[in-house]
Amino acid sequence: MYSATDPRSALNTGRPIDTSAPIAALATFEFLTLPPQETTERGGRTWYARGQNLAIAYSRLAGGDTLSRSAAEQGEEYVVILPDAEATIEVTAGSESRTVSGSGLVVVPPGDSSITARGQVELFRLFDVRASDVLARCANAASYAEPHPRVALLEPWPDPPAGHRLRVYLTADYPREPGRFGRIFRTSSFMVNFGDPSDGPRDPDRMSPHHHDDFEQCSLTVAGDYVHHVRTPWTAKLDQWRDDEHARVGSPSVAIIPPPTVHTSQAMGAGRHLLIDVFSPPRADFSAKAGWVLNAAEYPAP
């Protein structure tokens, strides 16, 4: 349950679930402990992991490294997440080009595009399930050879009425506001929530265990160490029961938290901590809260 002061406490979460389907297990990936799927001549590295409706590509790039997508590969928008306030990239899409500096999110339109690192950069790219070539590169591709029955499939939300183009949202332009939960942006396929950074460990008396009926939560750990606490509800089949999980991860990493597990994440140790949560498709409950989605005017809800 959320505490009374948590903005999420007012959300409507009362949708039934299919209790006959098996419940997937928590999956975590600490990227720097795994071999990368791609490398560059300059030493850049890229790792891929996926959920039901999306693929996450994490890259640590050297200055001058370029990540490209062709029109044949990319028929839909994709998203770039810059977690580092010191990062600078140049993004080109068709005839548009933007230099982006600082923490934030870039929406790249369909078609030919490239991202070039200006100095050392770490970034995440989000591709939806229609980018089949990216899905095939993911370390856990075999886990989704068949769709997970507890997760609703992606039905993209409407395209932006003003058309596809490069869109840049820097977190510095959206200061924290009381009553608003994080900094939430959405596209037709994604919702991304930049959490508020915290210093030091989380208060153990202020946890927020909760569950989602039919969508995964992909939590990107971009600073600090966390424990993802996950409890799998019992079903009628004893062989589907699991012990509680308490998965400790460092940064950078991703946790793919399946429905309808009860979960909460706990910052551990000293220093700065930050999670960025990703959902596909966008969340209807967050979208229904006035003022929570910061670019709602550009990406209407169905």
Protein backbone atom coordinates (compact mmCIF):
# COMPACT_ATOMS: atom_id res chain seq x y z
CA MET A 1 0.00 0.00 0.00
CA TYR A 2 1.10 3.59 -0.64
CA SER A 3 1.41 6.00 2.26
CA ALA A 4 -1.18 8.78 2.48
CA THR A 5 1.41 11.34 1.33
CA ASP A 6 2.42 9.38 -1.79
CA PRO A 7 0.72 10.89 -4.90
CA ARG A 8 0.03 7.35 -6.17
CA SER A 9 -2.32 6.64 -3.24
CA ALA A 10 -5.25 8.17 -5.20
CA LEU A 11 -4.87 5.92 -8.24
CA ASN A 12 -7.63 3.55 -9.30
CA THR A 13 -6.11 0.06 -9.52
CA GLY A 14 -9.20 -2.13 -9.37
CA ARG A 15 -9.03 -4.21 -12.56
CA PRO A 16 -9.41 -8.03 -12.28
CA ILE A 17 -6.68 -10.40 -13.45
CA ASP A 18 -6.66 -13.92 -14.88
CA THR A 19 -5.68 -16.02 -11.89
CA SER A 20 -5.35 -19.17 -14.00
CA ALA A 21 -2.26 -18.00 -15.95
CA PRO A 22 1.24 -18.60 -14.58
CA ILE A 23 3.08 -15.61 -13.15
CA ALA A 24 6.46 -14.74 -14.65
CA ALA A 25 9.57 -14.35 -12.51
CA LEU A 26 11.44 -11.14 -11.81
CA ALA A 27 14.29 -10.58 -14.29
CA THR A 28 17.27 -8.32 -13.51
CA PHE A 29 20.25 -7.37 -15.67
CA GLU A 30 23.33 -5.59 -14.30
CA PHE A 31 24.76 -4.54 -17.63
CA LEU A 32 28.42 -4.08 -16.71
CA THR A 33 28.59 -7.62 -15.34
CA LEU A 34 27.43 -9.08 -18.68
CA PRO A 35 29.13 -9.33 -22.07
CA PRO A 36 27.84 -6.61 -24.44
CA GLN A 37 25.95 -7.60 -27.56
CA GLU A 38 27.72 -4.91 -29.61
CA THR A 39 31.03 -3.03 -29.47
CA THR A 40 32.57 -0.19 -31.49
CA GLU A 41 36.13 0.45 -32.66
CA ARG A 42 36.39 3.28 -30.13
CA GLY A 43 35.44 0.96 -27.27
CA GLY A 44 31.74 1.75 -27.04
CA ARG A 45 29.50 -1.07 -25.79
CA THR A 46 25.78 -1.83 -26.02
CA TRP A 47 23.63 -4.31 -24.11
CA TYR A 48 20.05 -5.36 -24.93
CA ALA A 49 17.24 -6.74 -22.75
CA ARG A 50 13.51 -6.86 -23.29
CA GLY A 51 10.08 -7.02 -21.76
CA GLN A 52 6.79 -8.09 -23.33
CA ASN A 53 6.27 -4.93 -25.39
CA LEU A 54 9.67 -3.25 -25.52
CA ALA A 55 13.40 -3.64 -25.87
CA ILE A 56 15.90 -1.62 -23.84
CA ALA A 57 19.33 -0.88 -25.29
CA TYR A 58 21.91 0.46 -22.84
CA SER A 59 25.04 2.02 -24.39
CA ARG A 60 28.28 3.39 -22.98
CA LEU A 61 29.75 5.35 -25.87
CA ALA A 62 33.12 6.91 -26.56
CA GLY A 63 33.32 10.36 -28.11
CA GLY A 64 32.48 10.14 -31.80
CA ASP A 65 30.57 6.85 -31.54
CA THR A 66 27.38 6.86 -33.61
CA LEU A 67 24.24 4.74 -33.25
CA SER A 68 22.17 4.63 -36.45
CA ARG A 69 18.76 3.35 -37.49
CA SER A 70 17.56 3.12 -41.09
CA ALA A 71 14.05 3.75 -42.36
CA ALA A 72 13.82 0.04 -43.24
CA GLU A 73 14.54 -0.86 -39.60
CA GLN A 74 12.62 1.89 -37.85
CA GLY A 75 9.04 2.45 -38.94
CA GLU A 76 8.02 3.86 -35.54
CA GLU A 77 9.27 6.40 -33.05
CA TYR A 78 11.87 5.38 -30.51
CA VAL A 79 13.01 7.03 -27.31
CA VAL A 80 16.44 8.04 -26.01
CA ILE A 81 16.94 8.46 -22.26
CA LEU A 82 19.91 10.52 -21.05
CA PRO A 83 20.35 9.91 -17.31
CA ASP A 84 23.48 12.07 -16.91
CA ALA A 85 23.27 15.86 -16.56
CA GLU A 86 26.75 16.17 -18.12
CA ALA A 87 26.00 14.18 -21.30
CA THR A 88 25.91 15.71 -24.79
CA ILE A 89 24.69 14.01 -27.96
CA GLU A 90 23.83 15.11 -31.45
CA VAL A 91 20.63 13.58 -32.82
CA THR A 92 19.76 13.66 -36.51
CA ALA A 93 16.47 12.47 -37.97
CA GLY A 94 15.78 13.14 -41.63
CA SER A 95 16.46 16.86 -42.16
CA GLU A 96 16.33 17.70 -38.45
CA SER A 97 19.36 17.85 -36.17
CA ARG A 98 19.55 18.76 -32.47
CA THR A 99 22.39 18.97 -29.98
CA VAL A 100 21.09 17.78 -26.60
CA SER A 101 22.92 18.38 -23.34
CA GLY A 102 21.74 17.23 -19.94
CA SER A 103 19.44 14.69 -18.37
CA GLY A 104 16.23 14.09 -20.25
CA LEU A 105 14.34 12.29 -22.95
CA VAL A 106 14.48 12.53 -26.75
CA VAL A 107 11.74 11.20 -29.02
CA VAL A 108 13.17 10.21 -32.41
CA PRO A 109 10.69 10.05 -35.32
CA PRO A 110 10.38 7.11 -37.74
CA GLY A 111 12.86 6.83 -40.59
CA ASP A 112 16.61 7.31 -40.89
CA SER A 113 18.25 8.61 -37.71
CA SER A 114 21.58 8.76 -35.90
CA ILE A 115 22.88 9.58 -32.42
CA THR A 116 26.48 10.75 -32.05
CA ALA A 117 28.23 11.00 -28.68
CA ARG A 118 30.07 14.25 -27.94
CA GLY A 119 32.49 12.90 -25.37
CA GLN A 120 31.82 9.86 -23.20
CA VAL A 121 28.09 9.26 -22.89
CA GLU A 122 25.78 6.67 -21.38
CA LEU A 123 22.24 6.40 -22.67
CA PHE A 124 19.25 4.09 -23.00
CA ARG A 125 17.13 3.58 -26.11
CA LEU A 126 13.60 2.22 -25.98
CA PHE A 127 12.16 0.34 -28.95
CA ASP A 128 8.67 -1.07 -29.05
CA VAL A 129 7.83 -4.64 -30.00
CA ARG A 130 7.56 -3.76 -33.70
CA ALA A 131 11.38 -3.35 -33.92
CA SER A 132 11.92 -7.06 -34.51
CA ASP A 133 15.64 -6.77 -35.30
CA VAL A 134 16.29 -5.22 -31.87
CA LEU A 135 14.21 -7.82 -30.05
CA ALA A 136 16.36 -10.58 -31.56
CA ARG A 137 19.52 -9.08 -29.98
CA CYS A 138 18.18 -9.12 -26.43
CA ALA A 139 19.92 -11.30 -23.87
CA ASN A 140 16.56 -12.67 -22.70
CA ALA A 141 14.90 -13.03 -26.12
CA ALA A 142 14.13 -16.69 -25.45
CA SER A 143 12.03 -15.74 -22.40
CA TYR A 144 9.52 -14.12 -24.75
CA ALA A 145 9.41 -16.77 -27.46
CA GLU A 146 5.75 -16.94 -26.43
CA PRO A 147 3.93 -13.89 -25.04
CA HIS A 148 3.62 -13.81 -21.27
CA PRO A 149 -0.08 -14.47 -20.62
CA ARG A 150 -0.37 -12.04 -17.71
CA VAL A 151 0.83 -9.03 -19.76
CA ALA A 152 -1.49 -7.14 -22.09
CA LEU A 153 -0.06 -6.75 -25.59
CA LEU A 154 0.89 -3.32 -26.93
CA GLU A 155 -1.89 -1.34 -28.55
CA PRO A 156 -0.19 1.97 -29.46
CA TRP A 157 -1.91 5.17 -28.38
CA PRO A 158 -2.64 7.91 -30.97
CA ASP A 159 0.19 9.48 -32.95
CA PRO A 160 1.01 13.11 -32.10
CA PRO A 161 -1.53 15.38 -33.87
CA ALA A 162 1.26 17.77 -34.91
CA GLY A 163 3.11 14.94 -36.62
CA HIS A 164 6.35 13.09 -35.99
CA ARG A 165 9.48 15.13 -35.31
CA LEU A 166 12.41 15.30 -32.94
CA ARG A 167 11.15 16.18 -29.49
CA VAL A 168 13.46 16.97 -26.55
CA TYR A 169 12.40 17.11 -22.90
CA LEU A 170 15.09 18.08 -20.39
CA THR A 171 14.40 17.29 -16.74
CA ALA A 172 15.90 20.64 -15.72
CA ASP A 173 12.95 22.36 -17.43
CA TYR A 174 10.46 20.56 -15.17
CA PRO A 175 11.24 21.24 -11.50
CA ARG A 176 9.71 19.10 -8.80
CA GLU A 177 6.16 20.05 -7.75
CA PRO A 178 4.24 18.99 -4.61
CA GLY A 179 1.51 16.48 -5.44
CA ARG A 180 3.01 15.44 -8.76
CA PHE A 181 4.68 12.05 -9.03
CA GLY A 182 8.15 12.38 -10.61
CA ARG A 183 8.57 13.71 -14.15
CA ILE A 184 6.40 11.69 -16.52
CA PHE A 185 6.57 11.81 -20.32
CA ARG A 186 4.74 9.63 -22.80
CA THR A 187 4.71 8.72 -26.47
CA SER A 188 2.37 6.50 -28.44
CA SER A 189 4.14 3.40 -27.10
CA PHE A 190 5.95 4.41 -23.91
CA MET A 191 5.63 6.13 -20.60
CA VAL A 192 8.85 7.19 -18.87
CA ASN A 193 8.99 8.47 -15.30
CA PHE A 194 12.17 10.16 -14.12
CA GLY A 195 12.02 9.66 -10.39
CA ASP A 196 13.35 12.28 -8.03
CA PRO A 197 16.96 11.59 -7.00
CA SER A 198 17.52 10.81 -3.34
CA ASP A 199 20.54 10.79 -1.06
CA GLY A 200 21.26 7.90 1.23
CA PRO A 201 19.17 4.80 1.96
CA ARG A 202 15.40 4.69 1.82
CA ASP A 203 13.55 4.93 5.11
CA PRO A 204 12.49 1.32 5.85
CA ASP A 205 9.28 2.66 7.45
CA ARG A 206 8.25 4.34 4.17
CA MET A 207 8.14 1.53 1.63
CA SER A 208 5.44 1.40 -1.07
CA PRO A 209 4.51 -2.20 -1.94
CA HIS A 210 1.96 -2.33 -4.76
CA HIS A 211 1.07 -4.38 -7.83
CA HIS A 212 -0.03 -3.93 -11.46
CA ASP A 213 -2.80 -6.05 -12.90
CA ASP A 214 -1.63 -6.57 -16.47
CA PHE A 215 1.54 -4.62 -17.29
CA GLU A 216 5.23 -4.93 -16.55
CA GLN A 217 7.29 -2.28 -14.81
CA CYS A 218 10.80 -1.85 -16.20
CA SER A 219 12.90 -0.06 -13.58
CA LEU A 220 16.21 1.38 -14.76
CA THR A 221 18.73 1.85 -11.97
CA VAL A 222 20.89 4.74 -13.13
CA ALA A 223 22.53 5.80 -9.84
CA GLY A 224 23.20 3.96 -6.60
CA ASP A 225 22.28 0.48 -5.38
CA TYR A 226 18.78 -0.89 -4.87
CA VAL A 227 17.00 -3.96 -3.59
CA HIS A 228 13.91 -4.91 -5.60
CA HIS A 229 11.54 -6.66 -3.19
CA VAL A 230 9.08 -8.89 -5.08
CA ARG A 231 6.32 -11.15 -3.72
CA THR A 232 4.54 -13.57 -6.08
CA PRO A 233 0.87 -14.15 -5.16
CA TRP A 234 -0.17 -17.72 -4.59
CA THR A 235 -2.25 -19.37 -7.30
CA ALA A 236 -4.33 -22.54 -7.03
CA LYS A 237 -1.31 -24.53 -8.25
CA LEU A 238 1.24 -25.19 -5.53
CA ASP A 239 4.06 -25.73 -8.03
CA GLN A 240 3.67 -22.07 -9.16
CA TRP A 241 4.40 -20.66 -5.69
CA ARG A 242 7.69 -18.81 -5.16
CA ASP A 243 9.60 -17.53 -2.21
CA ASP A 244 9.84 -13.75 -1.86
CA GLU A 245 12.73 -12.23 -3.83
CA HIS A 246 15.04 -9.50 -2.62
CA ALA A 247 17.25 -8.81 -5.64
CA ARG A 248 20.08 -6.38 -4.99
CA VAL A 249 21.33 -4.54 -8.07
CA GLY A 250 23.84 -1.84 -8.80
CA SER A 251 23.80 0.75 -11.55
CA PRO A 252 23.36 0.61 -14.44
CA SER A 253 20.77 -2.15 -14.46
CA VAL A 254 17.21 -2.96 -15.37
CA ALA A 255 14.60 -4.91 -13.44
CA ILE A 256 11.62 -6.26 -15.37
CA ILE A 257 8.89 -6.70 -12.77
CA PRO A 258 5.97 -8.87 -13.92
CA PRO A 259 2.31 -8.52 -13.01
CA PRO A 260 0.65 -9.11 -10.62
CA THR A 261 3.62 -9.41 -8.27
CA VAL A 262 3.70 -7.13 -5.25
CA HIS A 263 6.87 -5.05 -5.42
CA THR A 264 8.75 -2.09 -4.06
CA SER A 265 12.32 -0.85 -4.51
CA GLN A 266 14.65 0.19 -1.71
CA ALA A 267 17.66 2.48 -2.14
CA MET A 268 20.62 1.09 -0.21
CA GLY A 269 23.74 2.71 1.15
CA ALA A 270 25.16 6.20 0.99
CA GLY A 271 25.22 8.52 -1.98
CA ARG A 272 22.87 9.47 -4.81
CA HIS A 273 20.13 7.09 -5.95
CA LEU A 274 17.85 7.32 -8.97
CA LEU A 275 15.37 5.02 -10.71
CA ILE A 276 13.72 5.69 -14.07
CA ASP A 277 10.56 3.64 -14.63
CA VAL A 278 9.41 2.63 -18.11
CA PHE A 279 6.02 1.24 -19.16
CA SER A 280 4.66 0.08 -22.51
CA PRO A 281 1.97 0.99 -23.44
CA PRO A 282 1.49 4.23 -21.45
CA ARG A 283 -0.32 3.91 -18.15
CA ALA A 284 -3.96 4.98 -18.18
CA ASP A 285 -4.01 5.64 -14.41
CA PHE A 286 -1.05 8.03 -14.50
CA SER A 287 -2.46 9.66 -17.63
CA ALA A 288 -5.78 10.34 -15.89
CA LYS A 289 -4.09 12.45 -13.20
CA ALA A 290 -4.20 16.12 -14.20
CA GLY A 291 -0.74 17.58 -14.62
CA TRP A 292 1.21 14.36 -14.15
CA VAL A 293 2.11 13.74 -17.82
CA LEU A 294 4.21 16.72 -18.79
CA ASN A 295 3.82 16.37 -22.56
CA ALA A 296 0.21 15.19 -22.63
CA ALA A 297 -0.80 17.92 -25.09
CA GLU A 298 1.59 16.52 -27.70
CA TYR A 299 0.56 12.86 -27.21
CA PRO A 300 -3.18 12.55 -26.58
CA ALA A 301 -4.70 9.64 -24.71
CA PRO A 302 -7.10 7.37 -26.62
